[in-house]
Amino acid sequence: MTTMKTPATTVANTITDGTFGSLPTKILRHGASGAQAEILVRGATVLSWVAPWHGGLGEFIDGYADEADFAGQYGGRSGILFPFANRLRDDRYTFDGVTHEVGLQFPVDKEVIHGSARMADWTILDEDTSDPRAVSITFGYSIRPGDIAGYPFSVDATVRFELTESSLDLLLTYRNVGHVDAPVAAGWHPYFKVPGHATIDTLSLRVPARAAIVTDAKLVPLAGEAAYAPMDSDLVHETLAGVVYDHAWDRLVPDADGRARTLLTDPATGEGVAVWQEGGTLLVFTGDALTRPRESAAIESLETTTDAFNRPDRADDIRLAAGQQKTFAFGAHTVTR
């Protein structure tokens, strides 16, 4: 007698609609593992990312508490930083001989910071649930002259989120669709935590850098080479207790796959989260000034340094020629033993 084997059940990937207060979200679910990410359409803002962890699911993103928290932009949680990241010295920059005065992007801001994309209504361009290994969604955003005070350029951007069993990966692509060169410096501003740890004080940090960025009192890097303090080895803190950062590092050292990984982990087990990026600068903010201080750490993948629009040493980083397209790849994955 022949025994028929029952085929294994495959749970399909899904993308469903959700809400965050009155705002629409998209919920990505990796069917085989149960991993899930919820992304606010406004700002293409990640609110939550859960992945398999010790027999269940663990939360790795510290997102906004509610719609009011998001509207206040408290902490800039998971903001897509575009067309510039972080600050501009004296709220202005000079590009191709023209000085541009940049106003506040949003009324809630206290300074010119982080660009306009983080509270814009992005357009959903594509959803893909067909690959059992990953589920993905792509959002689009455009800037035209007159949209942003002090930024008279035409740039189209997309960000693709890919969720797997153990990772949330982003690919930010942008193209200059205008007739003149444009300055662009992009990044991401997520806050990470490790399940089972109510504070980052019990976690360790490793940044694979060979230069620390030296800033002035306004957190703007010093001019020229004075901005780069050489390092002989990785920055390592066995625990973050007593460590306060709103600092950046450069000259990141990639692993064999070309990705530089910053680790936020449990020092006893080595388990936690790895934040990866292909090139660029890495900034860590320990969240001491937030309403929920030190519950998580902002580990920000940036294409280049703060105030790059004003730095001759970063001119090649930020120049996007007419018709040119660039990409910046970054994301995070769990680290388990």
C-alpha atoms as a PDB file:
ATOM      1  CA  MET A   1       0.000   0.000   0.000  1.00  0.00           C
ATOM      2  CA  THR A   2       1.264   3.448  -0.895  1.00  0.00           C
ATOM      3  CA  THR A   3       1.142   6.056   1.845  1.00  0.00           C
ATOM      4  CA  MET A   4       0.349   9.567   0.636  1.00  0.00           C
ATOM      5  CA  LYS A   5       2.238  12.329   2.398  1.00  0.00           C
ATOM      6  CA  THR A   6       0.334  15.452   3.268  1.00  0.00           C
ATOM      7  CA  PRO A   7       2.176  18.473   1.817  1.00  0.00           C
ATOM      8  CA  ALA A   8       3.473  21.015   4.303  1.00  0.00           C
ATOM      9  CA  THR A   9       1.222  23.985   4.771  1.00  0.00           C
ATOM     10  CA  THR A  10       2.690  27.238   3.526  1.00  0.00           C
ATOM     11  CA  VAL A  11       1.377  30.380   5.144  1.00  0.00           C
ATOM     12  CA  ALA A  12       1.149  33.122   2.546  1.00  0.00           C
ATOM     13  CA  ASN A  13       2.788  36.486   2.877  1.00  0.00           C
ATOM     14  CA  THR A  14       0.309  39.324   3.222  1.00  0.00           C
ATOM     15  CA  ILE A  15       0.077  43.106   3.019  1.00  0.00           C
ATOM     16  CA  THR A  16      -3.012  44.519   4.685  1.00  0.00           C
ATOM     17  CA  ASP A  17      -4.392  47.954   5.492  1.00  0.00           C
ATOM     18  CA  GLY A  18      -4.291  49.332   9.009  1.00  0.00           C
ATOM     19  CA  THR A  19      -4.755  52.615  10.819  1.00  0.00           C
ATOM     20  CA  PHE A  20      -2.765  54.659  13.295  1.00  0.00           C
ATOM     21  CA  GLY A  21      -5.342  56.975  14.762  1.00  0.00           C
ATOM     22  CA  SER A  22      -6.818  58.550  11.639  1.00  0.00           C
ATOM     23  CA  LEU A  23      -3.770  57.795   9.477  1.00  0.00           C
ATOM     24  CA  PRO A  24      -3.489  54.835   7.081  1.00  0.00           C
ATOM     25  CA  THR A  25      -0.802  52.204   7.501  1.00  0.00           C
ATOM     26  CA  LYS A  26       0.382  49.140   5.624  1.00  0.00           C
ATOM     27  CA  ILE A  27       1.043  45.945   7.577  1.00  0.00           C
ATOM     28  CA  LEU A  28       3.571  43.528   6.065  1.00  0.00           C
ATOM     29  CA  ARG A  29       3.523  39.948   7.332  1.00  0.00           C
ATOM     30  CA  HIS A  30       6.031  37.249   6.479  1.00  0.00           C
ATOM     31  CA  GLY A  31       3.788  34.203   6.469  1.00  0.00           C
ATOM     32  CA  ALA A  32       6.317  31.457   7.187  1.00  0.00           C
ATOM     33  CA  SER A  33       7.764  33.110  10.315  1.00  0.00           C
ATOM     34  CA  GLY A  34       5.096  35.524  11.558  1.00  0.00           C
ATOM     35  CA  ALA A  35       7.497  38.478  11.307  1.00  0.00           C
ATOM     36  CA  GLN A  36       5.605  41.705  10.817  1.00  0.00           C
ATOM     37  CA  ALA A  37       6.197  45.396  10.123  1.00  0.00           C
ATOM     38  CA  GLU A  38       3.677  48.233  10.227  1.00  0.00           C
ATOM     39  CA  ILE A  39       4.502  51.278   8.119  1.00  0.00           C
ATOM     40  CA  LEU A  40       2.691  54.591   8.236  1.00  0.00           C
ATOM     41  CA  VAL A  41       1.990  55.857   4.713  1.00  0.00           C
ATOM     42  CA  ARG A  42       2.707  59.417   5.871  1.00  0.00           C
ATOM     43  CA  GLY A  43       6.457  59.707   5.877  1.00  0.00           C
ATOM     44  CA  ALA A  44       6.870  56.000   4.992  1.00  0.00           C
ATOM     45  CA  THR A  45       7.418  55.733   8.744  1.00  0.00           C
ATOM     46  CA  VAL A  46       8.054  52.358  10.393  1.00  0.00           C
ATOM     47  CA  LEU A  47       5.915  52.082  13.516  1.00  0.00           C
ATOM     48  CA  SER A  48       6.762  48.505  14.485  1.00  0.00           C
ATOM     49  CA  TRP A  49       8.963  45.584  13.457  1.00  0.00           C
ATOM     50  CA  VAL A  50       8.590  42.222  15.177  1.00  0.00           C
ATOM     51  CA  ALA A  51      10.617  39.118  14.372  1.00  0.00           C
ATOM     52  CA  PRO A  52      10.998  35.594  15.779  1.00  0.00           C
ATOM     53  CA  TRP A  53      12.685  35.702  19.174  1.00  0.00           C
ATOM     54  CA  HIS A  54      13.172  32.852  21.665  1.00  0.00           C
ATOM     55  CA  GLY A  55      10.130  30.883  20.575  1.00  0.00           C
ATOM     56  CA  GLY A  56       7.865  33.902  20.129  1.00  0.00           C
ATOM     57  CA  LEU A  57       8.004  37.327  18.513  1.00  0.00           C
ATOM     58  CA  GLY A  58      10.064  40.263  19.751  1.00  0.00           C
ATOM     59  CA  GLU A  59       9.730  43.993  19.022  1.00  0.00           C
ATOM     60  CA  PHE A  60      12.877  45.703  17.729  1.00  0.00           C
ATOM     61  CA  ILE A  61      11.590  49.154  16.690  1.00  0.00           C
ATOM     62  CA  ASP A  62      10.601  51.806  19.231  1.00  0.00           C
ATOM     63  CA  GLY A  63       7.993  53.722  17.250  1.00  0.00           C
ATOM     64  CA  TYR A  64       5.553  56.521  17.946  1.00  0.00           C
ATOM     65  CA  ALA A  65       3.100  55.952  20.784  1.00  0.00           C
ATOM     66  CA  ASP A  66       0.074  57.434  18.992  1.00  0.00           C
ATOM     67  CA  GLU A  67      -0.967  59.838  16.251  1.00  0.00           C
ATOM     68  CA  ALA A  68      -0.338  62.899  18.430  1.00  0.00           C
ATOM     69  CA  ASP A  69       3.187  61.650  19.147  1.00  0.00           C
ATOM     70  CA  PHE A  70       3.809  61.355  15.401  1.00  0.00           C
ATOM     71  CA  ALA A  71       2.294  64.778  14.670  1.00  0.00           C
ATOM     72  CA  GLY A  72       4.673  66.278  17.217  1.00  0.00           C
ATOM     73  CA  GLN A  73       7.588  64.469  15.556  1.00  0.00           C
ATOM     74  CA  TYR A  74       9.016  63.768  18.992  1.00  0.00           C
ATOM     75  CA  GLY A  75      12.386  62.192  18.337  1.00  0.00           C
ATOM     76  CA  GLY A  76      11.889  61.891  14.575  1.00  0.00           C
ATOM     77  CA  ARG A  77      11.214  58.177  15.013  1.00  0.00           C
ATOM     78  CA  SER A  78      11.972  56.114  11.887  1.00  0.00           C
ATOM     79  CA  GLY A  79      11.930  59.235   9.731  1.00  0.00           C
ATOM     80  CA  ILE A  80      13.172  58.989   6.155  1.00  0.00           C
ATOM     81  CA  LEU A  81      15.668  61.857   6.029  1.00  0.00           C
ATOM     82  CA  PHE A  82      15.429  63.499   2.611  1.00  0.00           C
ATOM     83  CA  PRO A  83      16.549  65.590   0.733  1.00  0.00           C
ATOM     84  CA  PHE A  84      18.963  66.373   3.566  1.00  0.00           C
ATOM     85  CA  ALA A  85      19.797  64.630   6.824  1.00  0.00           C
ATOM     86  CA  ASN A  86      20.313  66.356  10.161  1.00  0.00           C
ATOM     87  CA  ARG A  87      21.276  70.044  10.349  1.00  0.00           C
ATOM     88  CA  LEU A  88      22.461  72.819   8.059  1.00  0.00           C
ATOM     89  CA  ARG A  89      24.814  75.380   9.554  1.00  0.00           C
ATOM     90  CA  ASP A  90      22.898  78.641  10.080  1.00  0.00           C
ATOM     91  CA  ASP A  91      19.929  77.153   8.165  1.00  0.00           C
ATOM     92  CA  ARG A  92      21.542  77.788   4.792  1.00  0.00           C
ATOM     93  CA  TYR A  93      23.847  76.242   2.222  1.00  0.00           C
ATOM     94  CA  THR A  94      25.713  77.308  -0.923  1.00  0.00           C
ATOM     95  CA  PHE A  95      25.523  75.110  -4.011  1.00  0.00           C
ATOM     96  CA  ASP A  96      27.086  76.000  -7.373  1.00  0.00           C
ATOM     97  CA  GLY A  97      27.690  79.532  -6.173  1.00  0.00           C
ATOM     98  CA  VAL A  98      24.138  80.227  -5.009  1.00  0.00           C
ATOM     99  CA  THR A  99      23.283  80.540  -1.309  1.00  0.00           C
ATOM    100  CA  HIS A 100      19.896  79.132  -0.321  1.00  0.00           C
ATOM    101  CA  GLU A 101      18.073  80.025   2.896  1.00  0.00           C
ATOM    102  CA  VAL A 102      16.080  77.033   4.190  1.00  0.00           C
ATOM    103  CA  GLY A 103      13.040  77.528   6.401  1.00  0.00           C
ATOM    104  CA  LEU A 104      11.565  75.176   8.954  1.00  0.00           C
ATOM    105  CA  GLN A 105      10.209  72.077   7.263  1.00  0.00           C
ATOM    106  CA  PHE A 106       7.322  71.727   9.721  1.00  0.00           C
ATOM    107  CA  PRO A 107       5.816  73.984  12.418  1.00  0.00           C
ATOM    108  CA  VAL A 108       6.712  71.441  15.102  1.00  0.00           C
ATOM    109  CA  ASP A 109      10.435  71.772  14.375  1.00  0.00           C
ATOM    110  CA  LYS A 110      12.669  73.940  16.525  1.00  0.00           C
ATOM    111  CA  GLU A 111      15.374  74.121  13.860  1.00  0.00           C
ATOM    112  CA  VAL A 112      15.943  73.267  10.211  1.00  0.00           C
ATOM    113  CA  ILE A 113      16.532  69.520  10.379  1.00  0.00           C
ATOM    114  CA  HIS A 114      15.958  66.220   8.570  1.00  0.00           C
ATOM    115  CA  GLY A 115      14.251  67.448   5.390  1.00  0.00           C
ATOM    116  CA  SER A 116      10.643  67.266   4.257  1.00  0.00           C
ATOM    117  CA  ALA A 117       9.951  63.603   3.493  1.00  0.00           C
ATOM    118  CA  ARG A 118       9.250  62.417   7.044  1.00  0.00           C
ATOM    119  CA  MET A 119       5.771  63.984   7.205  1.00  0.00           C
ATOM    120  CA  ALA A 120       4.839  63.909   3.524  1.00  0.00           C
ATOM    121  CA  ASP A 121       2.145  61.613   2.162  1.00  0.00           C
ATOM    122  CA  TRP A 122       4.084  59.068   0.135  1.00  0.00           C
ATOM    123  CA  THR A 123       2.453  57.152  -2.736  1.00  0.00           C
ATOM    124  CA  ILE A 124       2.296  53.364  -2.735  1.00  0.00           C
ATOM    125  CA  LEU A 125       3.918  52.219  -5.978  1.00  0.00           C
ATOM    126  CA  ASP A 126       4.223  48.465  -5.578  1.00  0.00           C
ATOM    127  CA  GLU A 127       3.347  45.562  -3.280  1.00  0.00           C
ATOM    128  CA  ASP A 128       4.883  42.091  -3.654  1.00  0.00           C
ATOM    129  CA  THR A 129       3.872  39.031  -1.631  1.00  0.00           C
ATOM    130  CA  SER A 130       4.899  36.431  -4.222  1.00  0.00           C
ATOM    131  CA  ASP A 131       8.327  35.458  -2.844  1.00  0.00           C
ATOM    132  CA  PRO A 132       8.003  33.115   0.164  1.00  0.00           C
ATOM    133  CA  ARG A 133      11.335  34.397   1.481  1.00  0.00           C
ATOM    134  CA  ALA A 134      10.294  38.056   1.677  1.00  0.00           C
ATOM    135  CA  VAL A 135       7.398  40.497   1.398  1.00  0.00           C
ATOM    136  CA  SER A 136       7.987  44.005   0.109  1.00  0.00           C
ATOM    137  CA  ILE A 137       6.350  47.370  -0.483  1.00  0.00           C
ATOM    138  CA  THR A 138       7.598  50.448  -2.339  1.00  0.00           C
ATOM    139  CA  PHE A 139       6.636  54.059  -1.623  1.00  0.00           C
ATOM    140  CA  GLY A 140       7.294  57.119  -3.785  1.00  0.00           C
ATOM    141  CA  TYR A 141       7.812  60.822  -3.055  1.00  0.00           C
ATOM    142  CA  SER A 142       8.596  63.805  -5.292  1.00  0.00           C
ATOM    143  CA  ILE A 143       9.990  67.300  -4.735  1.00  0.00           C
ATOM    144  CA  ARG A 144       9.544  70.156  -7.181  1.00  0.00           C
ATOM    145  CA  PRO A 145      10.691  73.803  -7.134  1.00  0.00           C
ATOM    146  CA  GLY A 146       8.487  75.754  -4.736  1.00  0.00           C
ATOM    147  CA  ASP A 147       7.704  72.758  -2.521  1.00  0.00           C
ATOM    148  CA  ILE A 148      10.529  73.470  -0.062  1.00  0.00           C
ATOM    149  CA  ALA A 149      11.810  76.950   0.764  1.00  0.00           C
ATOM    150  CA  GLY A 150      15.452  77.073  -0.223  1.00  0.00           C
ATOM    151  CA  TYR A 151      15.416  73.858  -2.274  1.00  0.00           C
ATOM    152  CA  PRO A 152      14.554  74.741  -5.919  1.00  0.00           C
ATOM    153  CA  PHE A 153      15.258  71.298  -7.389  1.00  0.00           C
ATOM    154  CA  SER A 154      13.286  68.422  -8.951  1.00  0.00           C
ATOM    155  CA  VAL A 155      13.968  65.033  -7.385  1.00  0.00           C
ATOM    156  CA  ASP A 156      11.925  61.811  -7.323  1.00  0.00           C
ATOM    157  CA  ALA A 157      12.531  59.269  -4.553  1.00  0.00           C
ATOM    158  CA  THR A 158      11.366  55.744  -3.790  1.00  0.00           C
ATOM    159  CA  VAL A 159      11.931  53.608  -0.717  1.00  0.00           C
ATOM    160  CA  ARG A 160      11.473  49.843  -0.850  1.00  0.00           C
ATOM    161  CA  PHE A 161      10.921  47.952   2.415  1.00  0.00           C
ATOM    162  CA  GLU A 162      11.636  44.214   2.380  1.00  0.00           C
ATOM    163  CA  LEU A 163      10.614  42.071   5.352  1.00  0.00           C
ATOM    164  CA  THR A 164      12.080  38.605   5.842  1.00  0.00           C
ATOM    165  CA  GLU A 165      12.030  36.193   8.767  1.00  0.00           C
ATOM    166  CA  SER A 166      14.875  38.026  10.466  1.00  0.00           C
ATOM    167  CA  SER A 167      15.353  41.379   8.741  1.00  0.00           C
ATOM    168  CA  LEU A 168      13.810  44.661   7.669  1.00  0.00           C
ATOM    169  CA  ASP A 169      15.805  46.043   4.744  1.00  0.00           C
ATOM    170  CA  LEU A 170      15.401  49.368   2.928  1.00  0.00           C
ATOM    171  CA  LEU A 171      16.540  50.564  -0.478  1.00  0.00           C
ATOM    172  CA  LEU A 172      16.249  54.306  -1.006  1.00  0.00           C
ATOM    173  CA  THR A 173      16.515  55.339  -4.662  1.00  0.00           C
ATOM    174  CA  TYR A 174      16.399  58.886  -5.943  1.00  0.00           C
ATOM    175  CA  ARG A 175      16.729  60.544  -9.337  1.00  0.00           C
ATOM    176  CA  ASN A 176      17.293  64.111 -10.438  1.00  0.00           C
ATOM    177  CA  VAL A 177      14.492  64.744 -12.938  1.00  0.00           C
ATOM    178  CA  GLY A 178      15.371  68.422 -13.362  1.00  0.00           C
ATOM    179  CA  HIS A 179      17.735  70.229 -15.723  1.00  0.00           C
ATOM    180  CA  VAL A 180      20.361  71.324 -13.208  1.00  0.00           C
ATOM    181  CA  ASP A 181      22.456  69.457 -10.649  1.00  0.00           C
ATOM    182  CA  ALA A 182      20.944  69.128  -7.165  1.00  0.00           C
ATOM    183  CA  PRO A 183      22.301  68.488  -3.653  1.00  0.00           C
ATOM    184  CA  VAL A 184      20.933  65.407  -1.866  1.00  0.00           C
ATOM    185  CA  ALA A 185      21.925  63.703   1.386  1.00  0.00           C
ATOM    186  CA  ALA A 186      19.631  60.945   2.668  1.00  0.00           C
ATOM    187  CA  GLY A 187      19.284  58.785   5.753  1.00  0.00           C
ATOM    188  CA  TRP A 188      17.046  56.925   8.197  1.00  0.00           C
ATOM    189  CA  HIS A 189      16.280  57.758  11.854  1.00  0.00           C
ATOM    190  CA  PRO A 190      14.974  54.564  13.560  1.00  0.00           C
ATOM    191  CA  TYR A 191      15.097  53.758  17.272  1.00  0.00           C
ATOM    192  CA  PHE A 192      16.070  50.195  18.144  1.00  0.00           C
ATOM    193  CA  LYS A 193      15.599  48.090  21.249  1.00  0.00           C
ATOM    194  CA  VAL A 194      16.229  44.479  22.225  1.00  0.00           C
ATOM    195  CA  PRO A 195      13.369  42.359  23.604  1.00  0.00           C
ATOM    196  CA  GLY A 196      13.599  41.794  27.351  1.00  0.00           C
ATOM    197  CA  HIS A 197      15.496  45.026  28.008  1.00  0.00           C
ATOM    198  CA  ALA A 198      13.491  47.979  29.300  1.00  0.00           C
ATOM    199  CA  THR A 199      16.478  50.299  28.914  1.00  0.00           C
ATOM    200  CA  ILE A 200      19.543  50.553  26.692  1.00  0.00           C
ATOM    201  CA  ASP A 201      21.653  50.777  29.858  1.00  0.00           C
ATOM    202  CA  THR A 202      21.865  46.976  29.955  1.00  0.00           C
ATOM    203  CA  LEU A 203      22.924  46.685  26.302  1.00  0.00           C
ATOM    204  CA  SER A 204      26.301  46.802  24.588  1.00  0.00           C
ATOM    205  CA  LEU A 205      27.183  48.850  21.496  1.00  0.00           C
ATOM    206  CA  ARG A 206      29.750  48.277  18.773  1.00  0.00           C
ATOM    207  CA  VAL A 207      30.309  50.739  15.902  1.00  0.00           C
ATOM    208  CA  PRO A 208      32.765  49.582  13.178  1.00  0.00           C
ATOM    209  CA  ALA A 209      34.294  53.013  12.490  1.00  0.00           C
ATOM    210  CA  ARG A 210      37.767  54.475  12.072  1.00  0.00           C
ATOM    211  CA  ALA A 211      36.872  58.137  12.643  1.00  0.00           C
ATOM    212  CA  ALA A 212      34.687  59.966  15.160  1.00  0.00           C
ATOM    213  CA  ILE A 213      32.944  63.100  13.919  1.00  0.00           C
ATOM    214  CA  VAL A 214      33.898  66.151  16.002  1.00  0.00           C
ATOM    215  CA  THR A 215      31.153  68.781  16.278  1.00  0.00           C
ATOM    216  CA  ASP A 216      30.611  72.227  17.725  1.00  0.00           C
ATOM    217  CA  ALA A 217      28.017  73.133  20.372  1.00  0.00           C
ATOM    218  CA  LYS A 218      25.281  73.108  17.707  1.00  0.00           C
ATOM    219  CA  LEU A 219      26.169  69.510  16.733  1.00  0.00           C
ATOM    220  CA  VAL A 220      27.529  70.654  13.367  1.00  0.00           C
ATOM    221  CA  PRO A 221      30.884  69.082  12.352  1.00  0.00           C
ATOM    222  CA  LEU A 222      33.985  71.252  12.508  1.00  0.00           C
ATOM    223  CA  ALA A 223      35.455  72.532   9.263  1.00  0.00           C
ATOM    224  CA  GLY A 224      37.826  70.394   7.215  1.00  0.00           C
ATOM    225  CA  GLU A 225      39.885  67.562   8.649  1.00  0.00           C
ATOM    226  CA  ALA A 226      39.289  68.812  12.193  1.00  0.00           C
ATOM    227  CA  ALA A 227      35.902  67.076  11.945  1.00  0.00           C
ATOM    228  CA  TYR A 228      37.485  63.606  11.804  1.00  0.00           C
ATOM    229  CA  ALA A 229      39.181  62.183  14.884  1.00  0.00           C
ATOM    230  CA  PRO A 230      41.012  58.979  13.846  1.00  0.00           C
ATOM    231  CA  MET A 231      40.223  55.695  15.601  1.00  0.00           C
ATOM    232  CA  ASP A 232      42.447  52.614  15.658  1.00  0.00           C
ATOM    233  CA  SER A 233      39.625  50.150  16.269  1.00  0.00           C
ATOM    234  CA  ASP A 234      35.853  49.796  16.618  1.00  0.00           C
ATOM    235  CA  LEU A 235      33.985  51.855  19.182  1.00  0.00           C
ATOM    236  CA  VAL A 236      32.893  49.384  21.886  1.00  0.00           C
ATOM    237  CA  HIS A 237      30.819  49.886  25.040  1.00  0.00           C
ATOM    238  CA  GLU A 238      30.279  46.747  27.087  1.00  0.00           C
ATOM    239  CA  THR A 239      27.169  48.471  28.448  1.00  0.00           C
ATOM    240  CA  LEU A 240      25.590  51.839  27.682  1.00  0.00           C
ATOM    241  CA  ALA A 241      24.973  52.695  31.337  1.00  0.00           C
ATOM    242  CA  GLY A 242      26.160  56.271  31.837  1.00  0.00           C
ATOM    243  CA  VAL A 243      26.955  56.717  28.131  1.00  0.00           C
ATOM    244  CA  VAL A 244      25.284  59.726  26.484  1.00  0.00           C
ATOM    245  CA  TYR A 245      25.512  60.135  22.715  1.00  0.00           C
ATOM    246  CA  ASP A 246      24.234  62.394  19.991  1.00  0.00           C
ATOM    247  CA  HIS A 247      27.362  61.669  17.981  1.00  0.00           C
ATOM    248  CA  ALA A 248      28.403  60.312  14.596  1.00  0.00           C
ATOM    249  CA  TRP A 249      31.180  58.112  13.237  1.00  0.00           C
ATOM    250  CA  ASP A 250      32.681  57.834   9.779  1.00  0.00           C
ATOM    251  CA  ARG A 251      35.029  55.664   7.722  1.00  0.00           C
ATOM    252  CA  LEU A 252      32.911  52.634   8.516  1.00  0.00           C
ATOM    253  CA  VAL A 253      34.511  49.221   8.109  1.00  0.00           C
ATOM    254  CA  PRO A 254      32.354  46.794   6.107  1.00  0.00           C
ATOM    255  CA  ASP A 255      32.101  43.062   6.562  1.00  0.00           C
ATOM    256  CA  ALA A 256      32.936  40.711   3.686  1.00  0.00           C
ATOM    257  CA  ASP A 257      29.498  41.288   2.134  1.00  0.00           C
ATOM    258  CA  GLY A 258      30.101  45.043   1.868  1.00  0.00           C
ATOM    259  CA  ARG A 259      27.799  45.958   4.746  1.00  0.00           C
ATOM    260  CA  ALA A 260      29.000  47.801   7.834  1.00  0.00           C
ATOM    261  CA  ARG A 261      27.127  46.545  10.895  1.00  0.00           C
ATOM    262  CA  THR A 262      26.544  48.434  14.137  1.00  0.00           C
ATOM    263  CA  LEU A 263      25.563  46.035  16.946  1.00  0.00           C
ATOM    264  CA  LEU A 264      23.156  46.673  19.825  1.00  0.00           C
ATOM    265  CA  THR A 265      23.199  43.477  21.856  1.00  0.00           C
ATOM    266  CA  ASP A 266      22.808  41.798  25.223  1.00  0.00           C
ATOM    267  CA  PRO A 267      26.378  41.578  26.564  1.00  0.00           C
ATOM    268  CA  ALA A 268      25.656  38.266  28.274  1.00  0.00           C
ATOM    269  CA  THR A 269      24.427  36.472  25.159  1.00  0.00           C
ATOM    270  CA  GLY A 270      25.563  38.534  22.178  1.00  0.00           C
ATOM    271  CA  GLU A 271      21.983  38.540  20.921  1.00  0.00           C
ATOM    272  CA  GLY A 272      20.185  41.622  19.688  1.00  0.00           C
ATOM    273  CA  VAL A 273      20.047  43.658  16.500  1.00  0.00           C
ATOM    274  CA  ALA A 274      22.553  44.551  13.789  1.00  0.00           C
ATOM    275  CA  VAL A 275      21.966  47.806  11.923  1.00  0.00           C
ATOM    276  CA  TRP A 276      23.634  47.648   8.511  1.00  0.00           C
ATOM    277  CA  GLN A 277      24.428  50.100   5.749  1.00  0.00           C
ATOM    278  CA  GLU A 278      26.432  50.174   2.555  1.00  0.00           C
ATOM    279  CA  GLY A 279      28.818  53.078   3.063  1.00  0.00           C
ATOM    280  CA  GLY A 280      28.119  56.437   4.648  1.00  0.00           C
ATOM    281  CA  THR A 281      28.128  57.720   8.211  1.00  0.00           C
ATOM    282  CA  LEU A 282      26.552  56.304  11.383  1.00  0.00           C
ATOM    283  CA  LEU A 283      24.957  58.402  14.148  1.00  0.00           C
ATOM    284  CA  VAL A 284      23.885  57.199  17.608  1.00  0.00           C
ATOM    285  CA  PHE A 285      21.466  59.136  19.827  1.00  0.00           C
ATOM    286  CA  THR A 286      20.804  57.641  23.254  1.00  0.00           C
ATOM    287  CA  GLY A 287      17.515  59.495  23.640  1.00  0.00           C
ATOM    288  CA  ASP A 288      18.220  61.217  26.938  1.00  0.00           C
ATOM    289  CA  ALA A 289      16.143  64.295  26.038  1.00  0.00           C
ATOM    290  CA  LEU A 290      13.059  62.344  24.967  1.00  0.00           C
ATOM    291  CA  THR A 291       9.831  61.869  26.913  1.00  0.00           C
ATOM    292  CA  ARG A 292      10.711  58.164  27.049  1.00  0.00           C
ATOM    293  CA  PRO A 293      14.419  58.511  27.795  1.00  0.00           C
ATOM    294  CA  ARG A 294      16.855  55.689  27.095  1.00  0.00           C
ATOM    295  CA  GLU A 295      14.205  53.086  26.294  1.00  0.00           C
ATOM    296  CA  SER A 296      15.869  52.689  22.895  1.00  0.00           C
ATOM    297  CA  ALA A 297      18.762  54.081  20.866  1.00  0.00           C
ATOM    298  CA  ALA A 298      18.494  55.911  17.573  1.00  0.00           C
ATOM    299  CA  ILE A 299      20.988  54.224  15.258  1.00  0.00           C
ATOM    300  CA  GLU A 300      20.902  56.335  12.130  1.00  0.00           C
ATOM    301  CA  SER A 301      22.257  55.161   8.780  1.00  0.00           C
ATOM    302  CA  LEU A 302      23.314  58.270   6.842  1.00  0.00           C
ATOM    303  CA  GLU A 303      24.791  58.704   3.386  1.00  0.00           C
ATOM    304  CA  THR A 304      27.178  61.383   4.584  1.00  0.00           C
ATOM    305  CA  THR A 305      27.906  63.763   7.454  1.00  0.00           C
ATOM    306  CA  THR A 306      25.702  66.432   8.973  1.00  0.00           C
ATOM    307  CA  ASP A 307      25.933  69.757   7.057  1.00  0.00           C
ATOM    308  CA  ALA A 308      27.349  67.976   3.999  1.00  0.00           C
ATOM    309  CA  PHE A 309      25.726  70.603   1.739  1.00  0.00           C
ATOM    310  CA  ASN A 310      28.226  73.118   3.147  1.00  0.00           C
ATOM    311  CA  ARG A 311      31.335  70.928   3.168  1.00  0.00           C
ATOM    312  CA  PRO A 312      33.831  70.964   0.252  1.00  0.00           C
ATOM    313  CA  ASP A 313      35.118  67.551   1.381  1.00  0.00           C
ATOM    314  CA  ARG A 314      31.616  66.109   0.833  1.00  0.00           C
ATOM    315  CA  ALA A 315      30.856  67.795  -2.497  1.00  0.00           C
ATOM    316  CA  ASP A 316      30.984  64.513  -4.424  1.00  0.00           C
ATOM    317  CA  ASP A 317      28.738  62.788  -1.867  1.00  0.00           C
ATOM    318  CA  ILE A 318      25.873  65.225  -2.272  1.00  0.00           C
ATOM    319  CA  ARG A 319      25.978  66.160  -5.966  1.00  0.00           C
ATOM    320  CA  LEU A 320      23.222  64.569  -8.051  1.00  0.00           C
ATOM    321  CA  ALA A 321      23.675  65.479 -11.697  1.00  0.00           C
ATOM    322  CA  ALA A 322      20.695  66.176 -13.916  1.00  0.00           C
ATOM    323  CA  GLY A 323      19.301  62.797 -14.947  1.00  0.00           C
ATOM    324  CA  GLN A 324      21.460  60.893 -12.443  1.00  0.00           C
ATOM    325  CA  GLN A 325      20.106  58.238 -10.073  1.00  0.00           C
ATOM    326  CA  LYS A 326      21.631  57.068  -6.803  1.00  0.00           C
ATOM    327  CA  THR A 327      20.734  54.414  -4.239  1.00  0.00           C
ATOM    328  CA  PHE A 328      21.396  53.996  -0.538  1.00  0.00           C
ATOM    329  CA  ALA A 329      20.895  50.555   1.003  1.00  0.00           C
ATOM    330  CA  PHE A 330      20.480  50.003   4.745  1.00  0.00           C
ATOM    331  CA  GLY A 331      18.389  48.078   7.262  1.00  0.00           C
ATOM    332  CA  ALA A 332      18.548  45.804  10.272  1.00  0.00           C
ATOM    333  CA  HIS A 333      18.503  42.120  11.154  1.00  0.00           C
ATOM    334  CA  THR A 334      18.260  40.147  14.340  1.00  0.00           C
ATOM    335  CA  VAL A 335      21.335  38.548  15.917  1.00  0.00           C
ATOM    336  CA  THR A 336      20.716  35.229  17.657  1.00  0.00           C
ATOM    337  CA  ARG A 337      22.802  32.362  18.943  1.00  0.00           C
END
